[in-house]
Amino acid sequence: MRSGVMVLVSLPLLVVGGCVTGEKVRSDLRVGMSREQVVSVLGNPDGVRSAGDSEVLQYTNRLISGWTYDRTDYHVVLREGAVSEYGTGEVRQAPAAQGGFFFIVH
């Protein structure tokens, strides 16, 4: 029965860690990537702005890492169809009471 408890406690960590935009931005995004490559890494953007030969893909209110519930917006700037720069907006810190572990005792 102990393994069932470990799975119950570990599963939320795996779920949160597996879908974190910040970790994908840091490890998988590179200058020179195409729009299609960015979308394959980060998914469809929440917003898009265009001006001349530039396009900005906006990913809104995304988790920064698997170890925190802090969120930010990510922006990817494409010039002539290739990533020229990318980064975060202002970080929104999660309230201290959010998250945590629970244990089941038999």
PDB file of N, CA and C in Angstrom:
ATOM      1  N   MET A   1       0.816  -1.201   0.000  1.00  0.00           N
ATOM      2  CA  MET A   1       0.000   0.000   0.000  1.00  0.00           C
ATOM      3  C   MET A   1       0.857   1.261   0.000  1.00  0.00           C
ATOM      4  N   ARG A   2       2.066   1.178   0.483  1.00  0.00           N
ATOM      5  CA  ARG A   2       2.935   2.346   0.523  1.00  0.00           C
ATOM      6  C   ARG A   2       3.232   2.876  -0.889  1.00  0.00           C
ATOM      7  N   SER A   3       3.379   1.976  -1.856  1.00  0.00           N
ATOM      8  CA  SER A   3       3.654   2.436  -3.219  1.00  0.00           C
ATOM      9  C   SER A   3       2.481   3.237  -3.768  1.00  0.00           C
ATOM     10  N   GLY A   4       1.254   2.893  -3.402  1.00  0.00           N
ATOM     11  CA  GLY A   4       0.086   3.661  -3.819  1.00  0.00           C
ATOM     12  C   GLY A   4       0.117   5.075  -3.284  1.00  0.00           C
ATOM     13  N   VAL A   5       0.573   5.220  -2.047  1.00  0.00           N
ATOM     14  CA  VAL A   5       0.682   6.549  -1.439  1.00  0.00           C
ATOM     15  C   VAL A   5       1.755   7.354  -2.160  1.00  0.00           C
ATOM     16  N   MET A   6       2.893   6.730  -2.489  1.00  0.00           N
ATOM     17  CA  MET A   6       3.966   7.433  -3.192  1.00  0.00           C
ATOM     18  C   MET A   6       3.501   7.907  -4.574  1.00  0.00           C
ATOM     19  N   VAL A   7       2.752   7.081  -5.261  1.00  0.00           N
ATOM     20  CA  VAL A   7       2.237   7.476  -6.564  1.00  0.00           C
ATOM     21  C   VAL A   7       1.301   8.665  -6.410  1.00  0.00           C
ATOM     22  N   LEU A   8       0.437   8.628  -5.415  1.00  0.00           N
ATOM     23  CA  LEU A   8      -0.510   9.698  -5.174  1.00  0.00           C
ATOM     24  C   LEU A   8       0.206  11.015  -4.872  1.00  0.00           C
ATOM     25  N   VAL A   9       1.296  10.960  -4.140  1.00  0.00           N
ATOM     26  CA  VAL A   9       2.049  12.161  -3.785  1.00  0.00           C
ATOM     27  C   VAL A   9       2.920  12.611  -4.949  1.00  0.00           C
ATOM     28  N   SER A  10       3.488  11.697  -5.715  1.00  0.00           N
ATOM     29  CA  SER A  10       4.409  12.027  -6.798  1.00  0.00           C
ATOM     30  C   SER A  10       3.719  12.488  -8.066  1.00  0.00           C
ATOM     31  N   LEU A  11       2.535  11.986  -8.334  1.00  0.00           N
ATOM     32  CA  LEU A  11       1.851  12.291  -9.573  1.00  0.00           C
ATOM     33  C   LEU A  11       1.673  13.784  -9.829  1.00  0.00           C
ATOM     34  N   PRO A  12       1.232  14.585  -8.842  1.00  0.00           N
ATOM     35  CA  PRO A  12       1.106  16.024  -9.117  1.00  0.00           C
ATOM     36  C   PRO A  12       2.432  16.670  -9.509  1.00  0.00           C
ATOM     37  N   LEU A  13       3.527  16.218  -8.943  1.00  0.00           N
ATOM     38  CA  LEU A  13       4.830  16.774  -9.306  1.00  0.00           C
ATOM     39  C   LEU A  13       5.176  16.462 -10.753  1.00  0.00           C
ATOM     40  N   LEU A  14       4.891  15.262 -11.199  1.00  0.00           N
ATOM     41  CA  LEU A  14       5.167  14.894 -12.577  1.00  0.00           C
ATOM     42  C   LEU A  14       4.291  15.668 -13.548  1.00  0.00           C
ATOM     43  N   VAL A  15       3.042  15.858 -13.208  1.00  0.00           N
ATOM     44  CA  VAL A  15       2.125  16.591 -14.074  1.00  0.00           C
ATOM     45  C   VAL A  15       2.566  18.038 -14.194  1.00  0.00           C
ATOM     46  N   VAL A  16       2.876  18.677 -13.075  1.00  0.00           N
ATOM     47  CA  VAL A  16       3.308  20.078 -13.107  1.00  0.00           C
ATOM     48  C   VAL A  16       4.627  20.205 -13.835  1.00  0.00           C
ATOM     49  N   GLY A  17       5.567  19.328 -13.565  1.00  0.00           N
ATOM     50  CA  GLY A  17       6.883  19.403 -14.188  1.00  0.00           C
ATOM     51  C   GLY A  17       6.856  19.124 -15.670  1.00  0.00           C
ATOM     52  N   GLY A  18       5.875  18.363 -16.141  1.00  0.00           N
ATOM     53  CA  GLY A  18       5.833  17.988 -17.539  1.00  0.00           C
ATOM     54  C   GLY A  18       5.249  19.039 -18.461  1.00  0.00           C
ATOM     55  N   CYS A  19       4.641  20.075 -17.947  1.00  0.00           N
ATOM     56  CA  CYS A  19       3.970  21.041 -18.819  1.00  0.00           C
ATOM     57  C   CYS A  19       4.402  22.472 -18.521  1.00  0.00           C
ATOM     58  N   VAL A  20       5.635  22.662 -18.185  1.00  0.00           N
ATOM     59  CA  VAL A  20       6.118  23.974 -17.763  1.00  0.00           C
ATOM     60  C   VAL A  20       6.741  24.708 -18.942  1.00  0.00           C
ATOM     61  N   THR A  21       6.157  25.831 -19.313  1.00  0.00           N
ATOM     62  CA  THR A  21       6.631  26.602 -20.450  1.00  0.00           C
ATOM     63  C   THR A  21       8.035  27.134 -20.218  1.00  0.00           C
ATOM     64  N   GLY A  22       8.320  27.635 -19.023  1.00  0.00           N
ATOM     65  CA  GLY A  22       9.635  28.217 -18.748  1.00  0.00           C
ATOM     66  C   GLY A  22      10.775  27.256 -18.997  1.00  0.00           C
ATOM     67  N   GLU A  23      10.597  26.006 -18.604  1.00  0.00           N
ATOM     68  CA  GLU A  23      11.649  25.015 -18.821  1.00  0.00           C
ATOM     69  C   GLU A  23      11.814  24.718 -20.310  1.00  0.00           C
ATOM     70  N   LYS A  24      10.726  24.709 -21.065  1.00  0.00           N
ATOM     71  CA  LYS A  24      10.817  24.491 -22.506  1.00  0.00           C
ATOM     72  C   LYS A  24      11.512  25.669 -23.188  1.00  0.00           C
ATOM     73  N   VAL A  25      11.199  26.886 -22.740  1.00  0.00           N
ATOM     74  CA  VAL A  25      11.828  28.078 -23.320  1.00  0.00           C
ATOM     75  C   VAL A  25      13.334  28.022 -23.092  1.00  0.00           C
ATOM     76  N   ARG A  26      13.741  27.710 -21.850  1.00  0.00           N
ATOM     77  CA  ARG A  26      15.174  27.686 -21.538  1.00  0.00           C
ATOM     78  C   ARG A  26      15.921  26.559 -22.236  1.00  0.00           C
ATOM     79  N   SER A  27      15.296  25.404 -22.393  1.00  0.00           N
ATOM     80  CA  SER A  27      16.030  24.259 -22.924  1.00  0.00           C
ATOM     81  C   SER A  27      15.828  24.015 -24.417  1.00  0.00           C
ATOM     82  N   ASP A  28      14.679  24.378 -24.966  1.00  0.00           N
ATOM     83  CA  ASP A  28      14.358  23.966 -26.333  1.00  0.00           C
ATOM     84  C   ASP A  28      14.289  25.089 -27.356  1.00  0.00           C
ATOM     85  N   LEU A  29      14.134  26.329 -26.932  1.00  0.00           N
ATOM     86  CA  LEU A  29      13.996  27.441 -27.870  1.00  0.00           C
ATOM     87  C   LEU A  29      15.366  27.978 -28.250  1.00  0.00           C
ATOM     88  N   ARG A  30      15.559  28.309 -29.527  1.00  0.00           N
ATOM     89  CA  ARG A  30      16.832  28.835 -30.020  1.00  0.00           C
ATOM     90  C   ARG A  30      16.582  29.939 -31.042  1.00  0.00           C
ATOM     91  N   VAL A  31      17.477  30.899 -31.090  1.00  0.00           N
ATOM     92  CA  VAL A  31      17.445  31.924 -32.127  1.00  0.00           C
ATOM     93  C   VAL A  31      17.610  31.214 -33.471  1.00  0.00           C
ATOM     94  N   GLY A  32      16.820  31.645 -34.456  1.00  0.00           N
ATOM     95  CA  GLY A  32      16.891  31.063 -35.792  1.00  0.00           C
ATOM     96  C   GLY A  32      15.815  30.029 -36.075  1.00  0.00           C
ATOM     97  N   MET A  33      15.102  29.577 -35.052  1.00  0.00           N
ATOM     98  CA  MET A  33      14.032  28.601 -35.265  1.00  0.00           C
ATOM     99  C   MET A  33      12.896  29.226 -36.073  1.00  0.00           C
ATOM    100  N   SER A  34      12.166  28.389 -36.804  1.00  0.00           N
ATOM    101  CA  SER A  34      11.007  28.863 -37.559  1.00  0.00           C
ATOM    102  C   SER A  34       9.795  28.962 -36.640  1.00  0.00           C
ATOM    103  N   ARG A  35       8.747  29.617 -37.126  1.00  0.00           N
ATOM    104  CA  ARG A  35       7.492  29.723 -36.364  1.00  0.00           C
ATOM    105  C   ARG A  35       6.933  28.332 -36.079  1.00  0.00           C
ATOM    106  N   GLU A  36       6.994  27.458 -37.067  1.00  0.00           N
ATOM    107  CA  GLU A  36       6.477  26.098 -36.908  1.00  0.00           C
ATOM    108  C   GLU A  36       7.236  25.345 -35.808  1.00  0.00           C
ATOM    109  N   GLN A  37       8.545  25.539 -35.738  1.00  0.00           N
ATOM    110  CA  GLN A  37       9.338  24.889 -34.690  1.00  0.00           C
ATOM    111  C   GLN A  37       8.968  25.410 -33.307  1.00  0.00           C
ATOM    112  N   VAL A  38       8.745  26.724 -33.196  1.00  0.00           N
ATOM    113  CA  VAL A  38       8.339  27.315 -31.913  1.00  0.00           C
ATOM    114  C   VAL A  38       7.001  26.728 -31.474  1.00  0.00           C
ATOM    115  N   VAL A  39       6.049  26.669 -32.387  1.00  0.00           N
ATOM    116  CA  VAL A  39       4.725  26.135 -32.057  1.00  0.00           C
ATOM    117  C   VAL A  39       4.820  24.652 -31.690  1.00  0.00           C
ATOM    118  N   SER A  40       5.721  23.901 -32.312  1.00  0.00           N
ATOM    119  CA  SER A  40       5.859  22.484 -31.952  1.00  0.00           C
ATOM    120  C   SER A  40       6.439  22.319 -30.551  1.00  0.00           C
ATOM    121  N   VAL A  41       7.226  23.283 -30.080  1.00  0.00           N
ATOM    122  CA  VAL A  41       7.806  23.230 -28.733  1.00  0.00           C
ATOM    123  C   VAL A  41       6.842  23.784 -27.687  1.00  0.00           C
ATOM    124  N   LEU A  42       6.268  24.958 -27.938  1.00  0.00           N
ATOM    125  CA  LEU A  42       5.466  25.667 -26.935  1.00  0.00           C
ATOM    126  C   LEU A  42       3.959  25.550 -27.140  1.00  0.00           C
ATOM    127  N   GLY A  43       3.526  25.046 -28.273  1.00  0.00           N
ATOM    128  CA  GLY A  43       2.101  24.985 -28.560  1.00  0.00           C
ATOM    129  C   GLY A  43       1.643  26.271 -29.235  1.00  0.00           C
ATOM    130  N   ASN A  44       0.355  26.338 -29.520  1.00  0.00           N
ATOM    131  CA  ASN A  44      -0.200  27.532 -30.161  1.00  0.00           C
ATOM    132  C   ASN A  44      -0.126  28.721 -29.213  1.00  0.00           C
ATOM    133  N   PRO A  45       0.254  29.890 -29.714  1.00  0.00           N
ATOM    134  CA  PRO A  45       0.336  31.075 -28.857  1.00  0.00           C
ATOM    135  C   PRO A  45      -1.040  31.556 -28.434  1.00  0.00           C
ATOM    136  N   ASP A  46      -1.072  32.284 -27.323  1.00  0.00           N
ATOM    137  CA  ASP A  46      -2.315  32.885 -26.838  1.00  0.00           C
ATOM    138  C   ASP A  46      -2.624  34.185 -27.561  1.00  0.00           C
ATOM    139  N   GLY A  47      -1.605  34.784 -28.151  1.00  0.00           N
ATOM    140  CA  GLY A  47      -1.783  36.024 -28.889  1.00  0.00           C
ATOM    141  C   GLY A  47      -0.672  36.197 -29.908  1.00  0.00           C
ATOM    142  N   VAL A  48      -0.963  36.961 -30.975  1.00  0.00           N
ATOM    143  CA  VAL A  48       0.010  37.220 -32.037  1.00  0.00           C
ATOM    144  C   VAL A  48      -0.112  38.683 -32.436  1.00  0.00           C
ATOM    145  N   ARG A  49       1.035  39.353 -32.567  1.00  0.00           N
ATOM    146  CA  ARG A  49       1.064  40.730 -33.077  1.00  0.00           C
ATOM    147  C   ARG A  49       2.038  40.780 -34.238  1.00  0.00           C
ATOM    148  N   SER A  50       1.710  41.555 -35.249  1.00  0.00           N
ATOM    149  CA  SER A  50       2.580  41.695 -36.413  1.00  0.00           C
ATOM    150  C   SER A  50       2.813  43.169 -36.702  1.00  0.00           C
ATOM    151  N   ALA A  51       4.028  43.455 -37.161  1.00  0.00           N
ATOM    152  CA  ALA A  51       4.384  44.804 -37.597  1.00  0.00           C
ATOM    153  C   ALA A  51       5.526  44.678 -38.603  1.00  0.00           C
ATOM    154  N   GLY A  52       5.241  45.017 -39.850  1.00  0.00           N
ATOM    155  CA  GLY A  52       6.264  44.895 -40.890  1.00  0.00           C
ATOM    156  C   GLY A  52       6.690  43.446 -41.064  1.00  0.00           C
ATOM    157  N   ASP A  53       8.000  43.203 -40.981  1.00  0.00           N
ATOM    158  CA  ASP A  53       8.510  41.842 -41.144  1.00  0.00           C
ATOM    159  C   ASP A  53       8.671  41.119 -39.803  1.00  0.00           C
ATOM    160  N   SER A  54       8.114  41.701 -38.734  1.00  0.00           N
ATOM    161  CA  SER A  54       8.223  41.105 -37.396  1.00  0.00           C
ATOM    162  C   SER A  54       6.882  40.564 -36.918  1.00  0.00           C
ATOM    163  N   GLU A  55       6.963  39.502 -36.131  1.00  0.00           N
ATOM    164  CA  GLU A  55       5.783  38.898 -35.526  1.00  0.00           C
ATOM    165  C   GLU A  55       6.152  38.529 -34.095  1.00  0.00           C
ATOM    166  N   VAL A  56       5.241  38.794 -33.155  1.00  0.00           N
ATOM    167  CA  VAL A  56       5.463  38.449 -31.751  1.00  0.00           C
ATOM    168  C   VAL A  56       4.419  37.422 -31.339  1.00  0.00           C
ATOM    169  N   LEU A  57       4.897  36.262 -30.867  1.00  0.00           N
ATOM    170  CA  LEU A  57       4.022  35.226 -30.332  1.00  0.00           C
ATOM    171  C   LEU A  57       3.994  35.398 -28.828  1.00  0.00           C
ATOM    172  N   GLN A  58       2.809  35.471 -28.250  1.00  0.00           N
ATOM    173  CA  GLN A  58       2.677  35.677 -26.805  1.00  0.00           C
ATOM    174  C   GLN A  58       2.056  34.442 -26.163  1.00  0.00           C
ATOM    175  N   TYR A  59       2.723  33.945 -25.127  1.00  0.00           N
ATOM    176  CA  TYR A  59       2.244  32.822 -24.325  1.00  0.00           C
ATOM    177  C   TYR A  59       1.946  33.390 -22.940  1.00  0.00           C
ATOM    178  N   THR A  60       0.667  33.453 -22.571  1.00  0.00           N
ATOM    179  CA  THR A  60       0.203  34.198 -21.409  1.00  0.00           C
ATOM    180  C   THR A  60       0.029  33.327 -20.169  1.00  0.00           C
ATOM    181  N   ASN A  61       0.472  33.873 -19.020  1.00  0.00           N
ATOM    182  CA  ASN A  61       0.224  33.289 -17.698  1.00  0.00           C
ATOM    183  C   ASN A  61       0.716  31.839 -17.597  1.00  0.00           C
ATOM    184  N   ARG A  62       1.950  31.617 -18.006  1.00  0.00           N
ATOM    185  CA  ARG A  62       2.523  30.273 -18.030  1.00  0.00           C
ATOM    186  C   ARG A  62       3.427  30.041 -16.823  1.00  0.00           C
ATOM    187  N   LEU A  63       3.504  28.790 -16.380  1.00  0.00           N
ATOM    188  CA  LEU A  63       4.376  28.429 -15.263  1.00  0.00           C
ATOM    189  C   LEU A  63       5.842  28.650 -15.634  1.00  0.00           C
ATOM    190  N   ILE A  64       6.623  29.087 -14.646  1.00  0.00           N
ATOM    191  CA  ILE A  64       8.037  29.355 -14.861  1.00  0.00           C
ATOM    192  C   ILE A  64       8.865  28.081 -14.724  1.00  0.00           C
ATOM    193  N   SER A  65       8.612  27.284 -13.695  1.00  0.00           N
ATOM    194  CA  SER A  65       9.359  26.046 -13.488  1.00  0.00           C
ATOM    195  C   SER A  65       8.482  25.037 -12.753  1.00  0.00           C
ATOM    196  N   GLY A  66       8.972  23.810 -12.677  1.00  0.00           N
ATOM    197  CA  GLY A  66       8.236  22.766 -11.984  1.00  0.00           C
ATOM    198  C   GLY A  66       8.350  22.854 -10.480  1.00  0.00           C
ATOM    199  N   TRP A  67       9.148  23.773  -9.972  1.00  0.00           N
ATOM    200  CA  TRP A  67       9.376  23.882  -8.520  1.00  0.00           C
ATOM    201  C   TRP A  67       8.655  25.063  -7.900  1.00  0.00           C
ATOM    202  N   THR A  68       7.906  25.806  -8.704  1.00  0.00           N
ATOM    203  CA  THR A  68       7.195  26.975  -8.193  1.00  0.00           C
ATOM    204  C   THR A  68       5.885  27.138  -8.956  1.00  0.00           C
ATOM    205  N   TYR A  69       4.942  27.824  -8.367  1.00  0.00           N
ATOM    206  CA  TYR A  69       3.690  28.113  -9.056  1.00  0.00           C
ATOM    207  C   TYR A  69       3.684  29.533  -9.603  1.00  0.00           C
ATOM    208  N   ASP A  70       4.850  30.200  -9.604  1.00  0.00           N
ATOM    209  CA  ASP A  70       4.946  31.539 -10.165  1.00  0.00           C
ATOM    210  C   ASP A  70       4.686  31.473 -11.666  1.00  0.00           C
ATOM    211  N   ARG A  71       4.099  32.541 -12.194  1.00  0.00           N
ATOM    212  CA  ARG A  71       3.734  32.577 -13.611  1.00  0.00           C
ATOM    213  C   ARG A  71       4.255  33.847 -14.265  1.00  0.00           C
ATOM    214  N   THR A  72       4.368  33.816 -15.575  1.00  0.00           N
ATOM    215  CA  THR A  72       4.778  34.977 -16.350  1.00  0.00           C
ATOM    216  C   THR A  72       4.245  34.833 -17.767  1.00  0.00           C
ATOM    217  N   ASP A  73       4.408  35.873 -18.558  1.00  0.00           N
ATOM    218  CA  ASP A  73       4.101  35.818 -19.983  1.00  0.00           C
ATOM    219  C   ASP A  73       5.423  35.647 -20.726  1.00  0.00           C
ATOM    220  N   TYR A  74       5.412  34.833 -21.760  1.00  0.00           N
ATOM    221  CA  TYR A  74       6.594  34.641 -22.600  1.00  0.00           C
ATOM    222  C   TYR A  74       6.315  35.244 -23.964  1.00  0.00           C
ATOM    223  N   HIS A  75       7.339  35.888 -24.536  1.00  0.00           N
ATOM    224  CA  HIS A  75       7.216  36.496 -25.855  1.00  0.00           C
ATOM    225  C   HIS A  75       8.319  35.950 -26.746  1.00  0.00           C
ATOM    226  N   VAL A  76       7.949  35.602 -27.967  1.00  0.00           N
ATOM    227  CA  VAL A  76       8.900  35.128 -28.960  1.00  0.00           C
ATOM    228  C   VAL A  76       8.788  36.060 -30.160  1.00  0.00           C
ATOM    229  N   VAL A  77       9.897  36.723 -30.496  1.00  0.00           N
ATOM    230  CA  VAL A  77       9.912  37.668 -31.609  1.00  0.00           C
ATOM    231  C   VAL A  77      10.517  36.973 -32.822  1.00  0.00           C
ATOM    232  N   LEU A  78       9.763  36.988 -33.920  1.00  0.00           N
ATOM    233  CA  LEU A  78      10.243  36.432 -35.181  1.00  0.00           C
ATOM    234  C   LEU A  78      10.441  37.579 -36.163  1.00  0.00           C
ATOM    235  N   ARG A  79      11.586  37.609 -36.820  1.00  0.00           N
ATOM    236  CA  ARG A  79      11.849  38.581 -37.886  1.00  0.00           C
ATOM    237  C   ARG A  79      12.130  37.797 -39.153  1.00  0.00           C
ATOM    238  N   GLU A  80      11.395  38.133 -40.198  1.00  0.00           N
ATOM    239  CA  GLU A  80      11.500  37.424 -41.478  1.00  0.00           C
ATOM    240  C   GLU A  80      11.312  35.922 -41.281  1.00  0.00           C
ATOM    241  N   GLY A  81      10.398  35.536 -40.369  1.00  0.00           N
ATOM    242  CA  GLY A  81      10.021  34.149 -40.180  1.00  0.00           C
ATOM    243  C   GLY A  81      10.901  33.319 -39.267  1.00  0.00           C
ATOM    244  N   ALA A  82      11.934  33.930 -38.647  1.00  0.00           N
ATOM    245  CA  ALA A  82      12.828  33.182 -37.759  1.00  0.00           C
ATOM    246  C   ALA A  82      12.927  33.879 -36.407  1.00  0.00           C
ATOM    247  N   VAL A  83      13.107  33.114 -35.335  1.00  0.00           N
ATOM    248  CA  VAL A  83      13.225  33.669 -33.986  1.00  0.00           C
ATOM    249  C   VAL A  83      14.459  34.557 -33.925  1.00  0.00           C
ATOM    250  N   SER A  84      14.248  35.807 -33.495  1.00  0.00           N
ATOM    251  CA  SER A  84      15.373  36.724 -33.314  1.00  0.00           C
ATOM    252  C   SER A  84      15.635  36.994 -31.837  1.00  0.00           C
ATOM    253  N   GLU A  85      14.585  36.864 -31.015  1.00  0.00           N
ATOM    254  CA  GLU A  85      14.736  37.026 -29.567  1.00  0.00           C
ATOM    255  C   GLU A  85      13.517  36.448 -28.864  1.00  0.00           C
ATOM    256  N   TYR A  86      13.682  36.146 -27.580  1.00  0.00           N
ATOM    257  CA  TYR A  86      12.585  35.612 -26.782  1.00  0.00           C
ATOM    258  C   TYR A  86      12.885  35.864 -25.316  1.00  0.00           C
ATOM    259  N   GLY A  87      11.834  35.859 -24.491  1.00  0.00           N
ATOM    260  CA  GLY A  87      12.038  36.076 -23.065  1.00  0.00           C
ATOM    261  C   GLY A  87      10.728  36.218 -22.318  1.00  0.00           C
ATOM    262  N   THR A  88      10.859  36.602 -21.053  1.00  0.00           N
ATOM    263  CA  THR A  88       9.708  36.678 -20.161  1.00  0.00           C
ATOM    264  C   THR A  88       9.267  38.112 -19.936  1.00  0.00           C
ATOM    265  N   GLY A  89       8.053  38.227 -19.440  1.00  0.00           N
ATOM    266  CA  GLY A  89       7.540  39.506 -18.972  1.00  0.00           C
ATOM    267  C   GLY A  89       7.714  39.560 -17.463  1.00  0.00           C
ATOM    268  N   GLU A  90       6.882  40.331 -16.807  1.00  0.00           N
ATOM    269  CA  GLU A  90       6.937  40.447 -15.346  1.00  0.00           C
ATOM    270  C   GLU A  90       6.450  39.155 -14.695  1.00  0.00           C
ATOM    271  N   VAL A  91       7.183  38.711 -13.671  1.00  0.00           N
ATOM    272  CA  VAL A  91       6.832  37.486 -12.961  1.00  0.00           C
ATOM    273  C   VAL A  91       5.735  37.783 -11.948  1.00  0.00           C
ATOM    274  N   ARG A  92       4.696  36.936 -11.941  1.00  0.00           N
ATOM    275  CA  ARG A  92       3.614  37.039 -10.965  1.00  0.00           C
ATOM    276  C   ARG A  92       3.800  35.915  -9.956  1.00  0.00           C
ATOM    277  N   GLN A  93       4.173  36.276  -8.748  1.00  0.00           N
ATOM    278  CA  GLN A  93       4.427  35.266  -7.726  1.00  0.00           C
ATOM    279  C   GLN A  93       3.121  34.682  -7.202  1.00  0.00           C
ATOM    280  N   ALA A  94       3.150  33.377  -6.992  1.00  0.00           N
ATOM    281  CA  ALA A  94       1.984  32.678  -6.457  1.00  0.00           C
ATOM    282  C   ALA A  94       1.842  32.995  -4.973  1.00  0.00           C
ATOM    283  N   PRO A  95       0.612  33.028  -4.466  1.00  0.00           N
ATOM    284  CA  PRO A  95       0.417  33.211  -3.027  1.00  0.00           C
ATOM    285  C   PRO A  95       1.106  32.085  -2.256  1.00  0.00           C
ATOM    286  N   ALA A  96       1.618  32.394  -1.092  1.00  0.00           N
ATOM    287  CA  ALA A  96       2.376  31.425  -0.298  1.00  0.00           C
ATOM    288  C   ALA A  96       1.546  30.215   0.106  1.00  0.00           C
ATOM    289  N   ALA A  97       0.254  30.359   0.244  1.00  0.00           N
ATOM    290  CA  ALA A  97      -0.590  29.258   0.710  1.00  0.00           C
ATOM    291  C   ALA A  97      -0.929  28.264  -0.390  1.00  0.00           C
ATOM    292  N   GLN A  98      -0.584  28.571  -1.638  1.00  0.00           N
ATOM    293  CA  GLN A  98      -0.945  27.704  -2.750  1.00  0.00           C
ATOM    294  C   GLN A  98       0.000  26.510  -2.833  1.00  0.00           C
ATOM    295  N   GLY A  99      -0.504  25.368  -3.233  1.00  0.00           N
ATOM    296  CA  GLY A  99       0.321  24.171  -3.415  1.00  0.00           C
ATOM    297  C   GLY A  99       0.474  23.395  -2.128  1.00  0.00           C
ATOM    298  N   GLY A 100       1.440  22.513  -2.112  1.00  0.00           N
ATOM    299  CA  GLY A 100       1.708  21.717  -0.920  1.00  0.00           C
ATOM    300  C   GLY A 100       1.475  20.254  -1.151  1.00  0.00           C
ATOM    301  N   PHE A 101       1.725  19.473  -0.129  1.00  0.00           N
ATOM    302  CA  PHE A 101       1.575  18.021  -0.188  1.00  0.00           C
ATOM    303  C   PHE A 101       0.472  17.581   0.767  1.00  0.00           C
ATOM    304  N   PHE A 102      -0.075  16.450   0.500  1.00  0.00           N
ATOM    305  CA  PHE A 102      -0.999  15.854   1.433  1.00  0.00           C
ATOM    306  C   PHE A 102      -0.607  14.390   1.581  1.00  0.00           C
ATOM    307  N   PHE A 103      -0.799  13.857   2.738  1.00  0.00           N
ATOM    308  CA  PHE A 103      -0.436  12.484   3.020  1.00  0.00           C
ATOM    309  C   PHE A 103      -1.674  11.721   3.485  1.00  0.00           C
ATOM    310  N   ILE A 104      -1.761  10.472   3.048  1.00  0.00           N
ATOM    311  CA  ILE A 104      -2.854   9.615   3.474  1.00  0.00           C
ATOM    312  C   ILE A 104      -2.284   8.612   4.463  1.00  0.00           C
ATOM    313  N   VAL A 105      -2.835   8.599   5.648  1.00  0.00           N
ATOM    314  CA  VAL A 105      -2.361   7.700   6.697  1.00  0.00           C
ATOM    315  C   VAL A 105      -3.430   6.662   6.958  1.00  0.00           C
ATOM    316  N   HIS A 106      -3.015   5.412   7.002  1.00  0.00           N
ATOM    317  CA  HIS A 106      -3.956   4.311   7.284  1.00  0.00           C
ATOM    318  C   HIS A 106      -3.724   3.786   8.672  1.00  0.00           C
TER     319      HIS A 106
END
